[in-house]
């Protein structure tokens, strides 16, 4: 039985989702004439109580567009050292926007208002880059699916207001955070200027992210999307998958979280596993020691067709997702207990 836990991007559309996609009414989205895309954008904007939304082919493009509309070349954004926009978007911050990053050492990818306040360059000191944007990530990918406390985000918002900074959220797995914490999406809409959310991870759509935000900023977003090559035509088939996912796949994320907790408990029982980070959502990050037994453990997983991610620096990762079934889960738990 092959079990692939490298990422929740591995999900495939369900038969019901595929049927819904094939029934979609479509048009030319570059002319904003695709009714299904328009319906998706309206739904996501309303979900967060924000002014408007724009569909993007990828989360990276959505984040890069957000950074572009918030900043000017030569300026600087503040983010955690684990931030996806810095580590996993191909250097797009500098390539697309000409912006540098001031990286902070937070806790599992989460930074504090005090850290943000201390990292802002004096605006009248022209020798340093002008700080113009703060980027947060929730849940944190490299931080093991950790979730922000809403009160800390409110405090960061206050710092941004005081210093006239933009605030963007890379919410690729925000759905997981909302399910795990029971926080309100509309509170997020009140706190952030822009938010990107992904439809192709745990929600199971084959592609797509949505950028939501304030109208004054989003007026620029469609032009930036065009420049980045993100204008698409009869896109409604893909947007329909996102609509279906929003209606049927959000609440079930709790199953992924429960399975992640169970896997973490199983890993705790293996003597060569040196550390398992606290599990908050669907990501398990753990470390093994450098003994021959640890090498045997990795070979054991490989021989039993269990695929996981090597994050470097001794960190390994498992990510539960829609296509990781209960039968696979029970089989993997048995494998872990039998090692």
C-alpha atoms as a PDB file:
ATOM      1  CA  UNK A   1       0.000   0.000   0.000  1.00  0.00           C
ATOM      2  CA  UNK A   2       1.655   3.219  -1.173  1.00  0.00           C
ATOM      3  CA  UNK A   3       1.287   6.142   1.258  1.00  0.00           C
ATOM      4  CA  UNK A   4       2.422   9.589   0.112  1.00  0.00           C
ATOM      5  CA  UNK A   5       2.581  12.192   2.872  1.00  0.00           C
ATOM      6  CA  UNK A   6       4.987  14.660   1.261  1.00  0.00           C
ATOM      7  CA  UNK A   7       2.365  17.400   1.025  1.00  0.00           C
ATOM      8  CA  UNK A   8      -1.347  18.169   0.995  1.00  0.00           C
ATOM      9  CA  UNK A   9      -0.836  19.402  -2.582  1.00  0.00           C
ATOM     10  CA  UNK A  10      -1.112  15.762  -3.618  1.00  0.00           C
ATOM     11  CA  UNK A  11      -4.900  15.746  -3.345  1.00  0.00           C
ATOM     12  CA  UNK A  12      -6.913  14.952  -6.461  1.00  0.00           C
ATOM     13  CA  UNK A  13     -10.487  15.995  -7.307  1.00  0.00           C
ATOM     14  CA  UNK A  14     -13.151  13.624  -6.039  1.00  0.00           C
ATOM     15  CA  UNK A  15     -15.656  12.128  -8.520  1.00  0.00           C
ATOM     16  CA  UNK A  16     -18.324  14.506  -7.173  1.00  0.00           C
ATOM     17  CA  UNK A  17     -16.005  17.482  -7.660  1.00  0.00           C
ATOM     18  CA  UNK A  18     -15.197  16.396 -11.222  1.00  0.00           C
ATOM     19  CA  UNK A  19     -18.898  16.105 -12.040  1.00  0.00           C
ATOM     20  CA  UNK A  20     -19.511  19.594 -10.635  1.00  0.00           C
ATOM     21  CA  UNK A  21     -16.615  20.963 -12.703  1.00  0.00           C
ATOM     22  CA  UNK A  22     -17.978  19.519 -15.928  1.00  0.00           C
ATOM     23  CA  UNK A  23     -21.315  21.235 -15.362  1.00  0.00           C
ATOM     24  CA  UNK A  24     -19.747  24.689 -14.929  1.00  0.00           C
ATOM     25  CA  UNK A  25     -20.875  27.614 -17.029  1.00  0.00           C
ATOM     26  CA  UNK A  26     -17.801  29.338 -18.452  1.00  0.00           C
ATOM     27  CA  UNK A  27     -16.751  32.485 -20.277  1.00  0.00           C
ATOM     28  CA  UNK A  28     -13.602  34.495 -20.937  1.00  0.00           C
ATOM     29  CA  UNK A  29     -12.180  35.471 -17.561  1.00  0.00           C
ATOM     30  CA  UNK A  30      -9.681  37.944 -19.036  1.00  0.00           C
ATOM     31  CA  UNK A  31     -12.794  39.961 -19.973  1.00  0.00           C
ATOM     32  CA  UNK A  32     -14.220  39.108 -16.512  1.00  0.00           C
ATOM     33  CA  UNK A  33     -17.016  37.222 -18.285  1.00  0.00           C
ATOM     34  CA  UNK A  34     -16.654  33.808 -16.678  1.00  0.00           C
ATOM     35  CA  UNK A  35     -19.690  33.507 -14.370  1.00  0.00           C
ATOM     36  CA  UNK A  36     -18.225  30.663 -12.323  1.00  0.00           C
ATOM     37  CA  UNK A  37     -14.986  32.535 -11.634  1.00  0.00           C
ATOM     38  CA  UNK A  38     -17.007  35.599 -10.700  1.00  0.00           C
ATOM     39  CA  UNK A  39     -19.120  33.492  -8.331  1.00  0.00           C
ATOM     40  CA  UNK A  40     -16.010  32.039  -6.681  1.00  0.00           C
ATOM     41  CA  UNK A  41     -14.447  35.466  -6.199  1.00  0.00           C
ATOM     42  CA  UNK A  42     -17.680  36.849  -4.755  1.00  0.00           C
ATOM     43  CA  UNK A  43     -18.003  33.898  -2.382  1.00  0.00           C
ATOM     44  CA  UNK A  44     -14.453  34.132  -1.035  1.00  0.00           C
ATOM     45  CA  UNK A  45     -14.669  37.912  -0.590  1.00  0.00           C
ATOM     46  CA  UNK A  46     -17.946  37.522   1.327  1.00  0.00           C
ATOM     47  CA  UNK A  47     -16.484  34.688   3.424  1.00  0.00           C
ATOM     48  CA  UNK A  48     -13.834  37.057   4.778  1.00  0.00           C
ATOM     49  CA  UNK A  49     -16.049  40.156   4.689  1.00  0.00           C
ATOM     50  CA  UNK A  50     -13.588  41.862   2.331  1.00  0.00           C
ATOM     51  CA  UNK A  51     -14.262  44.159  -0.599  1.00  0.00           C
ATOM     52  CA  UNK A  52     -13.281  41.996  -3.542  1.00  0.00           C
ATOM     53  CA  UNK A  53     -11.286  38.964  -4.690  1.00  0.00           C
ATOM     54  CA  UNK A  54      -9.259  37.765  -7.671  1.00  0.00           C
ATOM     55  CA  UNK A  55      -8.565  34.182  -8.759  1.00  0.00           C
ATOM     56  CA  UNK A  56      -4.929  33.207  -9.438  1.00  0.00           C
ATOM     57  CA  UNK A  57      -3.475  30.005 -10.903  1.00  0.00           C
ATOM     58  CA  UNK A  58      -1.074  29.555  -7.957  1.00  0.00           C
ATOM     59  CA  UNK A  59      -0.554  30.681  -4.396  1.00  0.00           C
ATOM     60  CA  UNK A  60       2.921  31.929  -5.217  1.00  0.00           C
ATOM     61  CA  UNK A  61       1.528  34.247  -7.888  1.00  0.00           C
ATOM     62  CA  UNK A  62      -1.167  35.495  -5.499  1.00  0.00           C
ATOM     63  CA  UNK A  63       1.426  36.276  -2.825  1.00  0.00           C
ATOM     64  CA  UNK A  64       3.774  37.897  -5.323  1.00  0.00           C
ATOM     65  CA  UNK A  65       0.969  40.067  -6.680  1.00  0.00           C
ATOM     66  CA  UNK A  66       0.055  41.141  -3.144  1.00  0.00           C
ATOM     67  CA  UNK A  67       3.641  42.138  -2.401  1.00  0.00           C
ATOM     68  CA  UNK A  68       3.819  44.063  -5.677  1.00  0.00           C
ATOM     69  CA  UNK A  69       0.676  46.108  -4.998  1.00  0.00           C
ATOM     70  CA  UNK A  70       1.821  46.934  -1.451  1.00  0.00           C
ATOM     71  CA  UNK A  71       5.378  48.043  -2.248  1.00  0.00           C
ATOM     72  CA  UNK A  72       7.716  49.989  -4.501  1.00  0.00           C
ATOM     73  CA  UNK A  73      11.189  48.835  -5.678  1.00  0.00           C
ATOM     74  CA  UNK A  74      13.875  49.446  -3.087  1.00  0.00           C
ATOM     75  CA  UNK A  75      11.498  49.082  -0.152  1.00  0.00           C
ATOM     76  CA  UNK A  76      11.497  46.330   2.460  1.00  0.00           C
ATOM     77  CA  UNK A  77       9.013  43.889   3.928  1.00  0.00           C
ATOM     78  CA  UNK A  78       9.131  42.237   7.343  1.00  0.00           C
ATOM     79  CA  UNK A  79       8.536  38.494   7.690  1.00  0.00           C
ATOM     80  CA  UNK A  80       9.561  35.512   9.758  1.00  0.00           C
ATOM     81  CA  UNK A  81      12.714  33.684   8.654  1.00  0.00           C
ATOM     82  CA  UNK A  82      10.512  30.637   7.896  1.00  0.00           C
ATOM     83  CA  UNK A  83       8.196  32.627   5.591  1.00  0.00           C
ATOM     84  CA  UNK A  84       7.053  30.921   2.410  1.00  0.00           C
ATOM     85  CA  UNK A  85       7.309  34.210   0.480  1.00  0.00           C
ATOM     86  CA  UNK A  86      11.036  34.236   1.254  1.00  0.00           C
ATOM     87  CA  UNK A  87      12.009  30.549   1.220  1.00  0.00           C
ATOM     88  CA  UNK A  88       9.792  28.890  -1.375  1.00  0.00           C
ATOM     89  CA  UNK A  89       8.776  31.414  -4.032  1.00  0.00           C
ATOM     90  CA  UNK A  90      11.902  31.400  -6.163  1.00  0.00           C
ATOM     91  CA  UNK A  91      13.230  34.761  -5.022  1.00  0.00           C
ATOM     92  CA  UNK A  92      10.130  36.426  -6.442  1.00  0.00           C
ATOM     93  CA  UNK A  93      10.141  39.153  -3.792  1.00  0.00           C
ATOM     94  CA  UNK A  94      13.318  40.607  -5.302  1.00  0.00           C
ATOM     95  CA  UNK A  95      12.707  39.549  -8.921  1.00  0.00           C
ATOM     96  CA  UNK A  96       9.110  40.777  -9.242  1.00  0.00           C
ATOM     97  CA  UNK A  97       8.999  43.685  -6.816  1.00  0.00           C
ATOM     98  CA  UNK A  98      12.596  44.745  -6.216  1.00  0.00           C
ATOM     99  CA  UNK A  99      11.946  44.457  -2.501  1.00  0.00           C
ATOM    100  CA  UNK A 100      14.242  43.145   0.239  1.00  0.00           C
ATOM    101  CA  UNK A 101      13.189  41.130   3.280  1.00  0.00           C
ATOM    102  CA  UNK A 102      13.974  41.815   6.910  1.00  0.00           C
ATOM    103  CA  UNK A 103      13.713  38.368   8.467  1.00  0.00           C
ATOM    104  CA  UNK A 104      12.819  37.841  12.109  1.00  0.00           C
ATOM    105  CA  UNK A 105      13.394  34.756  14.255  1.00  0.00           C
ATOM    106  CA  UNK A 106       9.922  34.047  15.558  1.00  0.00           C
ATOM    107  CA  UNK A 107       8.485  30.947  17.175  1.00  0.00           C
ATOM    108  CA  UNK A 108       7.662  28.212  14.663  1.00  0.00           C
ATOM    109  CA  UNK A 109       7.232  30.782  11.915  1.00  0.00           C
ATOM    110  CA  UNK A 110       5.185  33.235  14.006  1.00  0.00           C
ATOM    111  CA  UNK A 111       6.416  36.714  14.856  1.00  0.00           C
ATOM    112  CA  UNK A 112       5.193  39.138  17.518  1.00  0.00           C
ATOM    113  CA  UNK A 113       4.069  42.740  17.456  1.00  0.00           C
ATOM    114  CA  UNK A 114       7.103  43.694  19.533  1.00  0.00           C
ATOM    115  CA  UNK A 115       9.421  42.091  16.987  1.00  0.00           C
ATOM    116  CA  UNK A 116       7.686  43.903  14.128  1.00  0.00           C
ATOM    117  CA  UNK A 117       7.893  47.248  15.911  1.00  0.00           C
ATOM    118  CA  UNK A 118      11.608  46.744  16.544  1.00  0.00           C
ATOM    119  CA  UNK A 119      12.313  45.844  12.911  1.00  0.00           C
ATOM    120  CA  UNK A 120      10.815  48.914  11.232  1.00  0.00           C
ATOM    121  CA  UNK A 121      13.440  51.177   9.666  1.00  0.00           C
ATOM    122  CA  UNK A 122      13.082  54.872  10.536  1.00  0.00           C
ATOM    123  CA  UNK A 123      11.264  56.380   7.526  1.00  0.00           C
ATOM    124  CA  UNK A 124      13.416  59.527   7.571  1.00  0.00           C
ATOM    125  CA  UNK A 125      16.691  57.546   7.563  1.00  0.00           C
ATOM    126  CA  UNK A 126      17.228  57.327   3.806  1.00  0.00           C
ATOM    127  CA  UNK A 127      20.284  55.083   4.102  1.00  0.00           C
ATOM    128  CA  UNK A 128      18.114  52.051   4.893  1.00  0.00           C
ATOM    129  CA  UNK A 129      15.221  50.608   2.868  1.00  0.00           C
ATOM    130  CA  UNK A 130      11.793  52.061   3.569  1.00  0.00           C
ATOM    131  CA  UNK A 131       9.706  49.514   5.467  1.00  0.00           C
ATOM    132  CA  UNK A 132       6.307  49.272   3.774  1.00  0.00           C
ATOM    133  CA  UNK A 133       4.815  45.818   4.393  1.00  0.00           C
ATOM    134  CA  UNK A 134       4.495  43.054   6.972  1.00  0.00           C
ATOM    135  CA  UNK A 135       3.832  39.506   5.720  1.00  0.00           C
ATOM    136  CA  UNK A 136       2.456  36.835   8.058  1.00  0.00           C
ATOM    137  CA  UNK A 137       1.785  33.158   7.308  1.00  0.00           C
ATOM    138  CA  UNK A 138      -1.011  31.111   8.877  1.00  0.00           C
ATOM    139  CA  UNK A 139      -0.698  28.209   9.269  1.00  0.00           C
ATOM    140  CA  UNK A 140       3.086  28.206   9.080  1.00  0.00           C
ATOM    141  CA  UNK A 141       4.467  25.657   6.626  1.00  0.00           C
ATOM    142  CA  UNK A 142       8.057  25.421   7.813  1.00  0.00           C
ATOM    143  CA  UNK A 143       6.816  25.966  11.368  1.00  0.00           C
ATOM    144  CA  UNK A 144       4.894  22.707  11.323  1.00  0.00           C
ATOM    145  CA  UNK A 145       1.346  23.932  10.787  1.00  0.00           C
ATOM    146  CA  UNK A 146       1.361  26.262  13.789  1.00  0.00           C
ATOM    147  CA  UNK A 147      -1.487  28.773  14.126  1.00  0.00           C
ATOM    148  CA  UNK A 148      -1.340  32.427  15.118  1.00  0.00           C
ATOM    149  CA  UNK A 149      -3.186  33.693  18.187  1.00  0.00           C
ATOM    150  CA  UNK A 150      -5.684  36.248  16.921  1.00  0.00           C
ATOM    151  CA  UNK A 151      -4.770  38.691  19.692  1.00  0.00           C
ATOM    152  CA  UNK A 152      -1.171  38.776  18.459  1.00  0.00           C
ATOM    153  CA  UNK A 153      -2.365  39.539  14.938  1.00  0.00           C
ATOM    154  CA  UNK A 154      -4.478  42.383  16.337  1.00  0.00           C
ATOM    155  CA  UNK A 155      -1.386  43.768  18.072  1.00  0.00           C
ATOM    156  CA  UNK A 156       0.602  43.525  14.815  1.00  0.00           C
ATOM    157  CA  UNK A 157      -2.223  45.348  13.035  1.00  0.00           C
ATOM    158  CA  UNK A 158      -1.915  48.183  15.549  1.00  0.00           C
ATOM    159  CA  UNK A 159       1.814  48.450  14.861  1.00  0.00           C
ATOM    160  CA  UNK A 160       1.112  48.549  11.121  1.00  0.00           C
ATOM    161  CA  UNK A 161      -1.522  51.264  11.616  1.00  0.00           C
ATOM    162  CA  UNK A 162       0.863  53.367  13.708  1.00  0.00           C
ATOM    163  CA  UNK A 163       3.627  53.151  11.107  1.00  0.00           C
ATOM    164  CA  UNK A 164       1.379  53.147   8.016  1.00  0.00           C
ATOM    165  CA  UNK A 165       2.473  49.694   6.867  1.00  0.00           C
ATOM    166  CA  UNK A 166       0.520  47.234   4.779  1.00  0.00           C
ATOM    167  CA  UNK A 167      -0.357  43.833   6.269  1.00  0.00           C
ATOM    168  CA  UNK A 168      -0.592  40.759   4.038  1.00  0.00           C
ATOM    169  CA  UNK A 169      -1.455  37.206   5.056  1.00  0.00           C
ATOM    170  CA  UNK A 170      -0.153  34.178   3.200  1.00  0.00           C
ATOM    171  CA  UNK A 171      -3.144  32.041   4.140  1.00  0.00           C
ATOM    172  CA  UNK A 172      -2.384  29.023   1.970  1.00  0.00           C
ATOM    173  CA  UNK A 173      -3.524  26.821   4.853  1.00  0.00           C
ATOM    174  CA  UNK A 174      -5.733  29.379   6.580  1.00  0.00           C
ATOM    175  CA  UNK A 175      -8.638  26.948   6.228  1.00  0.00           C
ATOM    176  CA  UNK A 176      -6.749  24.560   8.540  1.00  0.00           C
ATOM    177  CA  UNK A 177      -6.149  27.331  11.066  1.00  0.00           C
ATOM    178  CA  UNK A 178      -9.811  28.382  11.048  1.00  0.00           C
ATOM    179  CA  UNK A 179     -10.980  24.809  11.630  1.00  0.00           C
ATOM    180  CA  UNK A 180      -8.401  24.156  14.360  1.00  0.00           C
ATOM    181  CA  UNK A 181      -8.891  27.417  16.296  1.00  0.00           C
ATOM    182  CA  UNK A 182     -12.576  28.132  15.549  1.00  0.00           C
ATOM    183  CA  UNK A 183     -11.571  31.691  14.690  1.00  0.00           C
ATOM    184  CA  UNK A 184     -13.815  33.839  12.503  1.00  0.00           C
ATOM    185  CA  UNK A 185     -12.806  34.445   8.865  1.00  0.00           C
ATOM    186  CA  UNK A 186     -14.446  37.871   8.985  1.00  0.00           C
ATOM    187  CA  UNK A 187     -12.126  38.887  11.828  1.00  0.00           C
ATOM    188  CA  UNK A 188      -9.233  38.121   9.490  1.00  0.00           C
ATOM    189  CA  UNK A 189     -10.882  40.269   6.852  1.00  0.00           C
ATOM    190  CA  UNK A 190     -10.975  43.177   9.299  1.00  0.00           C
ATOM    191  CA  UNK A 191      -7.307  42.792  10.269  1.00  0.00           C
ATOM    192  CA  UNK A 192      -5.518  42.300   6.931  1.00  0.00           C
ATOM    193  CA  UNK A 193      -5.258  44.467   3.852  1.00  0.00           C
ATOM    194  CA  UNK A 194      -4.833  41.403   1.616  1.00  0.00           C
ATOM    195  CA  UNK A 195      -5.139  37.649   2.176  1.00  0.00           C
ATOM    196  CA  UNK A 196      -4.238  34.804  -0.167  1.00  0.00           C
ATOM    197  CA  UNK A 197      -5.966  31.443   0.287  1.00  0.00           C
ATOM    198  CA  UNK A 198      -5.213  28.176  -1.508  1.00  0.00           C
ATOM    199  CA  UNK A 199      -7.813  25.801  -2.961  1.00  0.00           C
ATOM    200  CA  UNK A 200      -5.451  23.050  -4.140  1.00  0.00           C
ATOM    201  CA  UNK A 201      -4.047  21.738  -0.864  1.00  0.00           C
ATOM    202  CA  UNK A 202      -6.297  20.120   1.738  1.00  0.00           C
ATOM    203  CA  UNK A 203      -9.451  21.274  -0.048  1.00  0.00           C
ATOM    204  CA  UNK A 204      -8.669  19.070  -3.038  1.00  0.00           C
ATOM    205  CA  UNK A 205      -9.149  21.399  -6.016  1.00  0.00           C
ATOM    206  CA  UNK A 206      -6.691  20.703  -8.865  1.00  0.00           C
ATOM    207  CA  UNK A 207      -5.360  24.276  -8.924  1.00  0.00           C
ATOM    208  CA  UNK A 208      -5.940  27.822  -7.829  1.00  0.00           C
ATOM    209  CA  UNK A 209      -5.637  30.428  -5.113  1.00  0.00           C
ATOM    210  CA  UNK A 210      -7.699  33.528  -4.400  1.00  0.00           C
ATOM    211  CA  UNK A 211      -6.408  36.922  -3.297  1.00  0.00           C
ATOM    212  CA  UNK A 212      -8.896  38.979  -1.302  1.00  0.00           C
ATOM    213  CA  UNK A 213      -8.437  42.533  -0.136  1.00  0.00           C
ATOM    214  CA  UNK A 214      -9.412  46.153   0.105  1.00  0.00           C
ATOM    215  CA  UNK A 215     -10.761  47.628  -3.109  1.00  0.00           C
ATOM    216  CA  UNK A 216      -8.122  50.367  -3.320  1.00  0.00           C
ATOM    217  CA  UNK A 217      -5.375  47.747  -3.422  1.00  0.00           C
ATOM    218  CA  UNK A 218      -7.196  45.136  -5.479  1.00  0.00           C
ATOM    219  CA  UNK A 219      -7.792  47.632  -8.288  1.00  0.00           C
ATOM    220  CA  UNK A 220      -4.093  47.133  -9.036  1.00  0.00           C
ATOM    221  CA  UNK A 221      -4.130  43.351  -8.640  1.00  0.00           C
ATOM    222  CA  UNK A 222      -5.646  42.430 -11.997  1.00  0.00           C
ATOM    223  CA  UNK A 223      -2.981  44.437 -13.835  1.00  0.00           C
ATOM    224  CA  UNK A 224      -0.216  42.754 -11.825  1.00  0.00           C
ATOM    225  CA  UNK A 225      -1.758  39.344 -12.506  1.00  0.00           C
ATOM    226  CA  UNK A 226      -1.675  40.128 -16.223  1.00  0.00           C
ATOM    227  CA  UNK A 227       1.983  41.198 -16.056  1.00  0.00           C
ATOM    228  CA  UNK A 228       2.856  37.961 -14.246  1.00  0.00           C
ATOM    229  CA  UNK A 229       1.093  35.921 -16.932  1.00  0.00           C
ATOM    230  CA  UNK A 230      -1.886  34.920 -14.814  1.00  0.00           C
ATOM    231  CA  UNK A 231      -4.711  35.942 -17.125  1.00  0.00           C
ATOM    232  CA  UNK A 232      -6.694  32.834 -18.134  1.00  0.00           C
ATOM    233  CA  UNK A 233      -9.682  32.246 -20.368  1.00  0.00           C
ATOM    234  CA  UNK A 234     -12.423  29.636 -19.802  1.00  0.00           C
ATOM    235  CA  UNK A 235     -11.363  29.184 -16.229  1.00  0.00           C
ATOM    236  CA  UNK A 236     -14.758  28.317 -14.787  1.00  0.00           C
ATOM    237  CA  UNK A 237     -14.070  24.583 -14.836  1.00  0.00           C
ATOM    238  CA  UNK A 238     -11.248  25.098 -12.346  1.00  0.00           C
ATOM    239  CA  UNK A 239     -13.148  27.723 -10.359  1.00  0.00           C
ATOM    240  CA  UNK A 240     -16.035  25.281 -10.012  1.00  0.00           C
ATOM    241  CA  UNK A 241     -13.677  22.900  -8.219  1.00  0.00           C
ATOM    242  CA  UNK A 242     -12.900  25.682  -5.770  1.00  0.00           C
ATOM    243  CA  UNK A 243     -16.597  26.397  -5.218  1.00  0.00           C
ATOM    244  CA  UNK A 244     -17.268  22.728  -4.577  1.00  0.00           C
ATOM    245  CA  UNK A 245     -14.331  22.523  -2.168  1.00  0.00           C
ATOM    246  CA  UNK A 246     -15.548  25.505  -0.156  1.00  0.00           C
ATOM    247  CA  UNK A 247     -18.974  23.910   0.209  1.00  0.00           C
ATOM    248  CA  UNK A 248     -17.883  20.360   1.021  1.00  0.00           C
ATOM    249  CA  UNK A 249     -14.252  20.071   2.132  1.00  0.00           C
ATOM    250  CA  UNK A 250     -13.526  22.659   4.825  1.00  0.00           C
ATOM    251  CA  UNK A 251     -15.048  20.959   7.872  1.00  0.00           C
ATOM    252  CA  UNK A 252     -13.482  17.613   7.019  1.00  0.00           C
ATOM    253  CA  UNK A 253     -10.020  19.132   7.552  1.00  0.00           C
ATOM    254  CA  UNK A 254     -10.545  18.184  11.193  1.00  0.00           C
ATOM    255  CA  UNK A 255     -10.032  14.539  10.166  1.00  0.00           C
ATOM    256  CA  UNK A 256      -6.588  15.448   8.810  1.00  0.00           C
ATOM    257  CA  UNK A 257      -5.738  17.153  12.091  1.00  0.00           C
ATOM    258  CA  UNK A 258      -6.820  14.161  14.162  1.00  0.00           C
ATOM    259  CA  UNK A 259      -4.775  11.780  12.014  1.00  0.00           C
ATOM    260  CA  UNK A 260      -1.733  14.050  12.302  1.00  0.00           C
ATOM    261  CA  UNK A 261      -1.990  13.911  16.091  1.00  0.00           C
ATOM    262  CA  UNK A 262      -2.190  10.128  15.984  1.00  0.00           C
ATOM    263  CA  UNK A 263       0.877   9.891  13.741  1.00  0.00           C
ATOM    264  CA  UNK A 264       2.797  12.191  16.080  1.00  0.00           C
ATOM    265  CA  UNK A 265       1.903   9.926  18.997  1.00  0.00           C
ATOM    266  CA  UNK A 266       3.154   6.941  17.018  1.00  0.00           C
ATOM    267  CA  UNK A 267       6.437   8.661  16.224  1.00  0.00           C
ATOM    268  CA  UNK A 268       6.937   9.526  19.903  1.00  0.00           C
ATOM    269  CA  UNK A 269       7.177   5.799  20.649  1.00  0.00           C
ATOM    270  CA  UNK A 270      10.130   5.192  18.296  1.00  0.00           C
ATOM    271  CA  UNK A 271      13.451   5.427  20.089  1.00  0.00           C
ATOM    272  CA  UNK A 272      15.431   6.898  17.180  1.00  0.00           C
ATOM    273  CA  UNK A 273      12.972   9.780  16.795  1.00  0.00           C
ATOM    274  CA  UNK A 274      14.711  12.524  18.740  1.00  0.00           C
ATOM    275  CA  UNK A 275      11.967  15.127  18.654  1.00  0.00           C
ATOM    276  CA  UNK A 276       8.400  15.606  17.401  1.00  0.00           C
ATOM    277  CA  UNK A 277       7.150  19.169  17.176  1.00  0.00           C
ATOM    278  CA  UNK A 278       3.762  20.022  18.631  1.00  0.00           C
ATOM    279  CA  UNK A 279       0.997  19.261  16.139  1.00  0.00           C
ATOM    280  CA  UNK A 280      -1.625  21.963  15.687  1.00  0.00           C
ATOM    281  CA  UNK A 281      -3.108  21.079  12.296  1.00  0.00           C
ATOM    282  CA  UNK A 282      -2.135  18.639   9.539  1.00  0.00           C
ATOM    283  CA  UNK A 283       1.676  18.923   9.502  1.00  0.00           C
ATOM    284  CA  UNK A 284       4.030  16.728  11.538  1.00  0.00           C
ATOM    285  CA  UNK A 285       7.685  17.764  11.712  1.00  0.00           C
ATOM    286  CA  UNK A 286      10.099  15.457  13.490  1.00  0.00           C
ATOM    287  CA  UNK A 287      13.793  14.784  13.809  1.00  0.00           C
ATOM    288  CA  UNK A 288      15.680  11.518  13.995  1.00  0.00           C
ATOM    289  CA  UNK A 289      19.070  10.972  15.563  1.00  0.00           C
ATOM    290  CA  UNK A 290      22.159   9.959  13.573  1.00  0.00           C
ATOM    291  CA  UNK A 291      22.332   6.363  14.726  1.00  0.00           C
ATOM    292  CA  UNK A 292      22.281   3.348  12.390  1.00  0.00           C
ATOM    293  CA  UNK A 293      18.820   2.606  13.771  1.00  0.00           C
ATOM    294  CA  UNK A 294      17.579   5.938  12.430  1.00  0.00           C
ATOM    295  CA  UNK A 295      18.884   5.044   8.982  1.00  0.00           C
ATOM    296  CA  UNK A 296      17.084   1.727   9.307  1.00  0.00           C
ATOM    297  CA  UNK A 297      13.873   3.588  10.143  1.00  0.00           C
ATOM    298  CA  UNK A 298      13.999   5.616   6.935  1.00  0.00           C
ATOM    299  CA  UNK A 299      14.785   2.502   4.931  1.00  0.00           C
ATOM    300  CA  UNK A 300      11.887   0.761   6.675  1.00  0.00           C
ATOM    301  CA  UNK A 301       9.473   3.504   5.589  1.00  0.00           C
ATOM    302  CA  UNK A 302      10.809   3.439   2.035  1.00  0.00           C
ATOM    303  CA  UNK A 303      10.584  -0.337   1.776  1.00  0.00           C
ATOM    304  CA  UNK A 304       6.949  -0.121   2.868  1.00  0.00           C
ATOM    305  CA  UNK A 305       6.187   2.546   0.222  1.00  0.00           C
ATOM    306  CA  UNK A 306       5.781   5.384   2.720  1.00  0.00           C
ATOM    307  CA  UNK A 307       6.968   8.666   1.186  1.00  0.00           C
ATOM    308  CA  UNK A 308       7.692  11.707   3.361  1.00  0.00           C
ATOM    309  CA  UNK A 309       9.583  14.995   2.930  1.00  0.00           C
ATOM    310  CA  UNK A 310      13.139  15.775   3.964  1.00  0.00           C
ATOM    311  CA  UNK A 311      13.204  19.469   4.924  1.00  0.00           C
ATOM    312  CA  UNK A 312      16.957  19.537   5.512  1.00  0.00           C
ATOM    313  CA  UNK A 313      18.872  20.225   8.720  1.00  0.00           C
ATOM    314  CA  UNK A 314      17.664  16.919  10.116  1.00  0.00           C
ATOM    315  CA  UNK A 315      13.958  17.756   9.838  1.00  0.00           C
ATOM    316  CA  UNK A 316      11.451  15.353   8.306  1.00  0.00           C
ATOM    317  CA  UNK A 317       7.826  16.139   7.507  1.00  0.00           C
ATOM    318  CA  UNK A 318       4.544  14.318   7.098  1.00  0.00           C
ATOM    319  CA  UNK A 319       1.394  16.098   5.908  1.00  0.00           C
ATOM    320  CA  UNK A 320      -2.035  14.502   6.170  1.00  0.00           C
ATOM    321  CA  UNK A 321      -4.574  15.313   3.467  1.00  0.00           C
ATOM    322  CA  UNK A 322      -7.832  14.363   1.755  1.00  0.00           C
ATOM    323  CA  UNK A 323      -6.331  11.460  -0.209  1.00  0.00           C
ATOM    324  CA  UNK A 324      -4.722   9.930   2.889  1.00  0.00           C
ATOM    325  CA  UNK A 325      -7.459   7.446   3.714  1.00  0.00           C
ATOM    326  CA  UNK A 326      -8.455   5.804   6.970  1.00  0.00           C
ATOM    327  CA  UNK A 327      -7.175   2.473   5.633  1.00  0.00           C
ATOM    328  CA  UNK A 328      -3.789   4.050   4.869  1.00  0.00           C
ATOM    329  CA  UNK A 329      -3.798   5.702   8.275  1.00  0.00           C
ATOM    330  CA  UNK A 330      -4.403   2.458  10.133  1.00  0.00           C
ATOM    331  CA  UNK A 331      -1.740   0.721   8.041  1.00  0.00           C
ATOM    332  CA  UNK A 332       0.843   3.431   8.757  1.00  0.00           C
ATOM    333  CA  UNK A 333       0.103   3.411  12.481  1.00  0.00           C
ATOM    334  CA  UNK A 334       0.685  -0.339  12.423  1.00  0.00           C
ATOM    335  CA  UNK A 335       3.963   0.150  10.580  1.00  0.00           C
ATOM    336  CA  UNK A 336       5.126   2.677  13.161  1.00  0.00           C
ATOM    337  CA  UNK A 337       4.213   0.457  16.093  1.00  0.00           C
ATOM    338  CA  UNK A 338       5.924  -2.541  14.476  1.00  0.00           C
ATOM    339  CA  UNK A 339       9.284  -0.875  13.870  1.00  0.00           C
END
